[in-house]
Amino acid sequence: MTKIEIGQRIKKRRKIMSMPQSQLANYTGLSVVTLSQIENGKANPSLDTLNEIFHFLNLEILIVVKK
């Protein structure tokens, strides 16, 4: 999955939950600018940051290790 696809999923889920960017940013400790960059695929968030975002959106990160 690309960073653009991850951002689209975050944005879609946030909108389904009727959560403004400012609220999610506040929950995660990110700035609205940073969250916007993540949602638009223009940032490279760490796994910890993605984990925080996904936690508040009730999403899971599944990591598959390929041989």
C-alpha atoms as a PDB file:
ATOM      1  CA  MET A   1       0.000   0.000   0.000  1.00  0.00           C
ATOM      2  CA  THR A   2       1.361   3.416  -0.912  1.00  0.00           C
ATOM      3  CA  LYS A   3       1.436   6.476   1.317  1.00  0.00           C
ATOM      4  CA  ILE A   4      -1.242   8.018  -0.925  1.00  0.00           C
ATOM      5  CA  GLU A   5      -3.528   5.012  -0.379  1.00  0.00           C
ATOM      6  CA  ILE A   6      -2.908   5.090   3.381  1.00  0.00           C
ATOM      7  CA  GLY A   7      -3.761   8.780   3.448  1.00  0.00           C
ATOM      8  CA  GLN A   8      -6.944   8.185   1.465  1.00  0.00           C
ATOM      9  CA  ARG A   9      -8.034   5.476   3.904  1.00  0.00           C
ATOM     10  CA  ILE A  10      -7.385   7.719   6.884  1.00  0.00           C
ATOM     11  CA  LYS A  11      -9.341  10.569   5.311  1.00  0.00           C
ATOM     12  CA  LYS A  12     -12.227   8.321   4.287  1.00  0.00           C
ATOM     13  CA  ARG A  13     -12.524   6.768   7.751  1.00  0.00           C
ATOM     14  CA  ARG A  14     -12.279  10.155   9.467  1.00  0.00           C
ATOM     15  CA  LYS A  15     -15.103  11.486   7.280  1.00  0.00           C
ATOM     16  CA  ILE A  16     -17.247   8.394   7.917  1.00  0.00           C
ATOM     17  CA  MET A  17     -16.832   9.128  11.618  1.00  0.00           C
ATOM     18  CA  SER A  18     -17.741  12.806  10.998  1.00  0.00           C
ATOM     19  CA  MET A  19     -14.477  13.836  12.635  1.00  0.00           C
ATOM     20  CA  PRO A  20     -12.845  17.087  11.532  1.00  0.00           C
ATOM     21  CA  GLN A  21      -9.109  17.124  10.937  1.00  0.00           C
ATOM     22  CA  SER A  22      -8.655  19.428  13.926  1.00  0.00           C
ATOM     23  CA  GLN A  23     -10.206  16.864  16.268  1.00  0.00           C
ATOM     24  CA  LEU A  24      -8.065  13.973  15.013  1.00  0.00           C
ATOM     25  CA  ALA A  25      -4.987  16.189  15.081  1.00  0.00           C
ATOM     26  CA  ASN A  26      -5.753  17.125  18.677  1.00  0.00           C
ATOM     27  CA  TYR A  27      -6.249  13.475  19.696  1.00  0.00           C
ATOM     28  CA  THR A  28      -2.982  12.390  18.109  1.00  0.00           C
ATOM     29  CA  GLY A  29      -0.866  15.409  19.026  1.00  0.00           C
ATOM     30  CA  LEU A  30      -0.241  16.243  15.378  1.00  0.00           C
ATOM     31  CA  SER A  31      -0.733  19.619  13.771  1.00  0.00           C
ATOM     32  CA  VAL A  32      -3.589  19.978  11.291  1.00  0.00           C
ATOM     33  CA  VAL A  33      -0.977  20.722   8.611  1.00  0.00           C
ATOM     34  CA  THR A  34       0.853  17.454   9.310  1.00  0.00           C
ATOM     35  CA  LEU A  35      -2.385  15.453   9.332  1.00  0.00           C
ATOM     36  CA  SER A  36      -3.405  17.066   6.043  1.00  0.00           C
ATOM     37  CA  GLN A  37      -0.036  16.150   4.531  1.00  0.00           C
ATOM     38  CA  ILE A  38      -0.476  12.548   5.676  1.00  0.00           C
ATOM     39  CA  GLU A  39      -3.993  12.379   4.228  1.00  0.00           C
ATOM     40  CA  ASN A  40      -2.734  13.789   0.922  1.00  0.00           C
ATOM     41  CA  GLY A  41       0.215  11.392   0.705  1.00  0.00           C
ATOM     42  CA  LYS A  42       2.789  14.173   1.054  1.00  0.00           C
ATOM     43  CA  ALA A  43       4.271  13.068   4.385  1.00  0.00           C
ATOM     44  CA  ASN A  44       6.095   9.965   5.535  1.00  0.00           C
ATOM     45  CA  PRO A  45       4.591   9.253   8.949  1.00  0.00           C
ATOM     46  CA  SER A  46       6.340   6.869  11.280  1.00  0.00           C
ATOM     47  CA  LEU A  47       4.724   3.601  12.264  1.00  0.00           C
ATOM     48  CA  ASP A  48       4.114   5.085  15.717  1.00  0.00           C
ATOM     49  CA  THR A  49       2.278   8.049  14.197  1.00  0.00           C
ATOM     50  CA  LEU A  50       0.170   5.796  11.991  1.00  0.00           C
ATOM     51  CA  ASN A  51      -0.581   3.625  15.000  1.00  0.00           C
ATOM     52  CA  GLU A  52      -1.869   6.671  16.920  1.00  0.00           C
ATOM     53  CA  ILE A  53      -4.063   7.774  14.024  1.00  0.00           C
ATOM     54  CA  PHE A  54      -5.402   4.275  13.428  1.00  0.00           C
ATOM     55  CA  HIS A  55      -6.129   3.826  17.137  1.00  0.00           C
ATOM     56  CA  PHE A  56      -8.438   6.851  17.213  1.00  0.00           C
ATOM     57  CA  LEU A  57     -10.108   5.802  13.950  1.00  0.00           C
ATOM     58  CA  ASN A  58     -10.652   2.229  15.190  1.00  0.00           C
ATOM     59  CA  LEU A  59      -8.525   0.794  12.402  1.00  0.00           C
ATOM     60  CA  GLU A  60      -5.805  -1.843  12.513  1.00  0.00           C
ATOM     61  CA  ILE A  61      -2.402  -1.992  10.914  1.00  0.00           C
ATOM     62  CA  LEU A  62      -1.594  -5.397   9.498  1.00  0.00           C
ATOM     63  CA  ILE A  63       2.014  -6.012   8.550  1.00  0.00           C
ATOM     64  CA  VAL A  64       2.786  -8.871   6.222  1.00  0.00           C
ATOM     65  CA  VAL A  65       6.393  -9.933   5.830  1.00  0.00           C
ATOM     66  CA  LYS A  66       7.114 -11.447   2.442  1.00  0.00           C
ATOM     67  CA  LYS A  67       9.920 -13.903   1.799  1.00  0.00           C
END
